[in-house]
Amino acid sequence: MSAVVKVSLKETENFKYHEHSNGLKYFRHDYFAPEPDLEYSAQSYLIQQLPDVVNPLHFHTQNQFQVFIEGNGSFGKHTIEPYIVHYAGAYTGYGPIVAGSAGLHYLTLRSSRDPGAKFLPAQMDEFKKGPKHHYTSPSIQPLEPGVLNSLQGHYFRWEHHDQATGLGVGELRLAPQQAYEINVPENSSGIFVVVIQGSLIENQQMITKNENVYISQEIGSYTTQSLQEGAQALILQVPLKNKLYCF
């Protein structure tokens, strides 16, 4: 796997409509262009699930985060609001995701490309036995712009951090024109930085609300920086895929 830092494409560049025979309907915007080696091509995309539509119980073959950013609905037993983060390990069933009357928008983030949802029970023959891993965070609220711009220095906290598995969900706050070094540990495949308020400069490109950057484990450490305004971001640390599923 090669070292990589990937930065969002803008939302206006590509929205595609998808409709499944099970009733699932949504628009999808891909933030990242695929790498030549698709197996190790990080994925970041926005789903706009249509109002009152259900995304049924399913699983994926890769570890992933979902960040709920707009709209209303429910996820399993959880009522959804921005910014709730859900993690599901590879071959871990989850759902249903039920969009409310306003629809439901969420990011999906993976260190490696996934071929698509495997719906249950229809695709149970593709399900693999092994460890299952779920986590759902409380809502992490964006700061008001005035509060953000009055910050001094930087502040970081883990909302959830499991050193054994490498899973991490954290919040970073940066004062205006403040730099911060992000370190990717060896037991993580990479880290996503998702802006939820303000803006960051990444590879000479400004990224703003809901846009994101991916830092692969091979990079080791990476410095992000806020601009003339402060910034607030989610730090999402992706665990390595369990070895039982790597064949």
Protein backbone atom coordinates (compact mmCIF):
# COMPACT_ATOMS: atom_id res chain seq x y z
CA MET A 1 0.00 0.00 0.00
CA SER A 2 1.41 3.42 -0.92
CA ALA A 3 1.42 6.50 1.31
CA VAL A 4 -1.40 8.85 0.41
CA VAL A 5 -3.17 12.03 1.45
CA LYS A 6 -6.49 12.57 -0.32
CA VAL A 7 -8.51 15.80 -0.24
CA SER A 8 -12.20 16.27 -1.07
CA LEU A 9 -13.57 17.13 -4.46
CA LYS A 10 -16.28 19.79 -4.32
CA GLU A 11 -19.88 18.64 -3.97
CA THR A 12 -21.02 20.26 -7.23
CA GLU A 13 -18.80 18.04 -9.38
CA ASN A 14 -20.68 14.74 -9.45
CA PHE A 15 -24.05 13.67 -8.05
CA LYS A 16 -25.55 10.41 -9.31
CA TYR A 17 -29.00 8.99 -8.60
CA HIS A 18 -29.29 5.34 -7.47
CA GLU A 19 -32.39 3.20 -7.00
CA HIS A 20 -32.46 -0.39 -5.72
CA SER A 21 -35.13 -3.04 -6.16
CA ASN A 22 -35.58 -3.11 -2.34
CA GLY A 23 -36.89 0.49 -2.38
CA LEU A 24 -33.67 2.29 -1.44
CA LYS A 25 -33.35 5.63 -3.29
CA TYR A 26 -30.55 8.14 -2.94
CA PHE A 27 -28.15 10.55 -4.60
CA ARG A 28 -24.43 9.87 -4.18
CA HIS A 29 -21.51 12.29 -4.49
CA ASP A 30 -17.98 10.86 -4.49
CA TYR A 31 -15.41 13.09 -2.83
CA PHE A 32 -12.35 11.06 -3.83
CA ALA A 33 -11.28 9.93 -7.29
CA PRO A 34 -10.24 6.23 -7.24
CA GLU A 35 -6.59 5.21 -7.08
CA PRO A 36 -5.17 2.80 -9.71
CA ASP A 37 -5.01 0.08 -7.03
CA LEU A 38 -8.70 -0.07 -6.13
CA GLU A 39 -8.17 -2.42 -3.17
CA TYR A 40 -6.24 0.32 -1.36
CA SER A 41 -8.24 3.25 -2.71
CA ALA A 42 -9.74 5.25 0.16
CA GLN A 43 -13.43 6.11 -0.26
CA SER A 44 -15.29 9.22 0.83
CA TYR A 45 -18.77 9.94 -0.44
CA LEU A 46 -21.98 11.73 0.51
CA ILE A 47 -25.33 9.92 0.49
CA GLN A 48 -28.52 11.96 0.22
CA GLN A 49 -31.17 9.40 1.16
CA LEU A 50 -34.60 10.53 -0.01
CA PRO A 51 -37.40 11.37 2.49
CA ASP A 52 -39.18 8.41 4.12
CA VAL A 53 -36.93 5.91 2.35
CA VAL A 54 -35.40 2.91 4.18
CA ASN A 55 -31.85 1.62 3.70
CA PRO A 56 -32.34 -1.99 4.86
CA LEU A 57 -30.13 -4.10 7.13
CA HIS A 58 -26.82 -4.82 5.36
CA PHE A 59 -23.06 -5.21 5.74
CA HIS A 60 -19.86 -4.27 3.92
CA THR A 61 -16.56 -6.06 3.41
CA GLN A 62 -14.48 -3.12 4.70
CA ASN A 63 -14.32 -1.14 7.95
CA GLN A 64 -16.19 2.14 7.66
CA PHE A 65 -17.44 5.30 9.32
CA GLN A 66 -20.71 7.05 8.62
CA VAL A 67 -21.17 10.66 9.71
CA PHE A 68 -24.76 11.94 9.77
CA ILE A 69 -24.63 15.59 8.71
CA GLU A 70 -28.14 16.75 7.80
CA GLY A 71 -31.82 15.78 7.96
CA ASN A 72 -33.66 13.47 10.32
CA GLY A 73 -34.44 9.82 10.80
CA SER A 74 -33.31 6.78 12.72
CA PHE A 75 -30.46 4.30 12.64
CA GLY A 76 -31.32 0.98 14.23
CA LYS A 77 -32.53 2.01 17.70
CA HIS A 78 -30.90 5.47 17.52
CA THR A 79 -32.61 8.72 16.62
CA ILE A 80 -30.33 10.59 14.21
CA GLU A 81 -29.16 14.19 14.30
CA PRO A 82 -25.99 15.96 13.14
CA TYR A 83 -23.17 15.13 13.94
CA ILE A 84 -23.56 11.53 15.08
CA VAL A 85 -20.77 9.15 14.00
CA HIS A 86 -21.31 5.44 13.43
CA TYR A 87 -18.57 2.85 12.96
CA ALA A 88 -19.13 -0.66 11.60
CA GLY A 89 -16.34 -3.17 11.16
CA ALA A 90 -16.07 -5.40 8.11
CA TYR A 91 -18.79 -8.06 7.90
CA THR A 92 -20.78 -6.39 10.69
CA GLY A 93 -24.48 -6.08 9.89
CA TYR A 94 -26.16 -2.77 10.68
CA GLY A 95 -29.32 -0.78 9.99
CA PRO A 96 -31.91 -0.15 8.92
CA ILE A 97 -31.24 3.54 8.19
CA VAL A 98 -34.64 5.22 7.98
CA ALA A 99 -34.85 8.72 6.51
CA GLY A 100 -37.44 11.07 8.00
CA SER A 101 -39.59 13.66 6.22
CA ALA A 102 -36.55 15.90 5.62
CA GLY A 103 -34.44 13.11 4.13
CA LEU A 104 -31.12 12.04 5.61
CA HIS A 105 -27.62 12.99 4.48
CA TYR A 106 -24.50 11.16 5.62
CA LEU A 107 -20.86 10.68 4.73
CA THR A 108 -19.38 7.22 4.23
CA LEU A 109 -15.63 6.92 4.83
CA ARG A 110 -13.34 3.92 4.24
CA SER A 111 -9.59 3.33 4.02
CA SER A 112 -10.13 0.73 1.27
CA ARG A 113 -12.61 0.40 -1.55
CA ASP A 114 -15.78 -1.59 -0.88
CA PRO A 115 -17.71 -3.23 -3.75
CA GLY A 116 -21.11 -2.23 -2.34
CA ALA A 117 -23.73 -3.07 0.27
CA LYS A 118 -24.61 -6.71 0.91
CA PHE A 119 -28.25 -6.77 1.97
CA LEU A 120 -29.54 -9.19 4.58
CA PRO A 121 -30.94 -11.79 4.57
CA ALA A 122 -30.77 -11.96 0.74
CA GLN A 123 -26.94 -12.07 0.63
CA MET A 124 -26.37 -14.08 3.79
CA ASP A 125 -24.25 -16.55 1.79
CA GLU A 126 -21.56 -13.83 1.48
CA PHE A 127 -21.50 -13.08 5.22
CA LYS A 128 -18.40 -14.28 7.09
CA LYS A 129 -18.11 -15.44 10.68
CA GLY A 130 -15.73 -13.50 12.89
CA PRO A 131 -15.52 -10.49 15.24
CA LYS A 132 -18.25 -7.86 14.85
CA HIS A 133 -17.62 -4.26 15.83
CA HIS A 134 -20.11 -1.40 16.27
CA TYR A 135 -19.85 2.06 17.78
CA THR A 136 -22.30 5.00 17.71
CA SER A 137 -21.25 8.35 19.15
CA PRO A 138 -23.40 10.99 20.81
CA SER A 139 -24.08 14.09 18.72
CA ILE A 140 -21.01 16.36 18.39
CA GLN A 141 -22.39 19.86 17.99
CA PRO A 142 -20.75 22.46 15.70
CA LEU A 143 -19.63 25.60 17.48
CA GLU A 144 -21.08 28.99 16.60
CA PRO A 145 -18.75 31.00 14.32
CA GLY A 146 -18.21 33.66 16.98
CA VAL A 147 -17.12 31.03 19.50
CA LEU A 148 -14.90 29.34 16.92
CA ASN A 149 -13.11 32.57 16.02
CA SER A 150 -12.44 33.42 19.66
CA LEU A 151 -10.55 30.17 20.32
CA GLN A 152 -6.97 30.31 21.53
CA GLY A 153 -4.47 27.67 20.38
CA HIS A 154 -5.86 24.19 19.84
CA TYR A 155 -8.02 21.69 21.70
CA PHE A 156 -8.41 17.97 21.04
CA ARG A 157 -10.40 15.28 22.83
CA TRP A 158 -11.30 11.67 22.16
CA GLU A 159 -15.04 11.06 22.29
CA HIS A 160 -14.18 7.38 21.98
CA HIS A 161 -10.76 5.75 21.74
CA ASP A 162 -10.05 2.02 21.81
CA GLN A 163 -6.30 1.41 21.80
CA ALA A 164 -6.77 -2.34 21.42
CA THR A 165 -8.65 -2.10 18.11
CA GLY A 166 -7.35 1.27 16.84
CA LEU A 167 -10.84 2.77 16.65
CA GLY A 168 -11.00 6.48 17.45
CA VAL A 169 -13.61 9.24 17.22
CA GLY A 170 -12.27 12.62 18.29
CA GLU A 171 -12.98 16.34 18.06
CA LEU A 172 -10.38 18.96 17.09
CA ARG A 173 -10.78 22.72 17.57
CA LEU A 174 -8.30 25.18 16.12
CA ALA A 175 -7.96 28.92 16.65
CA PRO A 176 -7.55 31.05 13.50
CA GLN A 177 -4.26 30.41 11.67
CA GLN A 178 -3.38 27.53 13.98
CA ALA A 179 -1.45 24.41 12.91
CA TYR A 180 -1.92 20.96 14.42
CA GLU A 181 0.02 17.74 13.84
CA ILE A 182 -1.97 14.53 13.41
CA ASN A 183 -0.23 11.22 14.04
CA VAL A 184 -1.53 7.97 12.54
CA PRO A 185 -0.68 4.99 14.81
CA GLU A 186 0.50 1.64 13.47
CA ASN A 187 -2.72 -0.15 14.46
CA SER A 188 -4.79 2.16 12.26
CA SER A 189 -5.10 2.04 8.47
CA GLY A 190 -5.56 5.80 8.35
CA ILE A 191 -7.34 8.87 9.69
CA PHE A 192 -10.13 11.00 8.20
CA VAL A 193 -10.38 14.68 9.11
CA VAL A 194 -13.95 15.93 8.54
CA VAL A 195 -14.62 19.66 8.83
CA ILE A 196 -17.84 20.42 10.70
CA GLN A 197 -17.34 24.19 11.11
CA GLY A 198 -14.91 26.73 9.66
CA SER A 199 -12.25 25.71 7.15
CA LEU A 200 -8.81 24.10 6.81
CA ILE A 201 -6.07 24.40 4.23
CA GLU A 202 -5.01 21.02 2.78
CA ASN A 203 -2.49 20.67 -0.07
CA GLN A 204 -3.09 24.34 -1.00
CA GLN A 205 -6.84 23.69 -1.20
CA MET A 206 -9.39 25.07 1.24
CA ILE A 207 -11.84 22.51 2.59
CA THR A 208 -15.00 23.61 4.34
CA LYS A 209 -18.00 22.12 6.12
CA ASN A 210 -18.46 18.36 5.51
CA GLU A 211 -15.44 18.15 3.21
CA ASN A 212 -12.63 15.92 4.38
CA VAL A 213 -9.08 14.70 4.04
CA TYR A 214 -7.70 11.17 4.40
CA ILE A 215 -4.21 10.43 5.77
CA SER A 216 -2.96 6.88 5.26
CA GLN A 217 -0.95 5.09 7.95
CA GLU A 218 2.16 5.17 5.77
CA ILE A 219 2.26 8.99 6.03
CA GLY A 220 2.82 8.68 9.79
CA SER A 221 2.24 12.31 10.71
CA TYR A 222 0.49 15.17 8.93
CA THR A 223 0.01 18.85 9.76
CA THR A 224 -3.35 20.53 9.17
CA GLN A 225 -3.99 24.25 9.56
CA SER A 226 -6.91 26.63 9.96
CA LEU A 227 -7.23 29.83 7.93
CA GLN A 228 -8.46 33.33 8.89
CA GLU A 229 -11.30 31.76 10.84
CA GLY A 230 -11.09 28.96 13.37
CA ALA A 231 -11.95 25.38 12.53
CA GLN A 232 -13.69 22.43 14.13
CA ALA A 233 -13.22 18.93 12.77
CA LEU A 234 -13.88 15.29 13.51
CA ILE A 235 -10.82 13.04 13.73
CA LEU A 236 -11.85 9.52 12.71
CA GLN A 237 -9.24 6.81 13.16
CA VAL A 238 -9.95 3.68 11.10
CA PRO A 239 -8.90 0.32 12.61
CA LEU A 240 -6.95 -2.20 10.60
CA LYS A 241 -9.17 -4.81 9.00
CA ASN A 242 -9.36 -7.94 11.12
CA LYS A 243 -6.99 -10.63 9.79
CA LEU A 244 -9.81 -13.19 9.70
CA TYR A 245 -11.38 -11.15 6.86
CA CYS A 246 -8.17 -10.57 4.88
CA PHE A 247 -8.39 -13.45 2.43
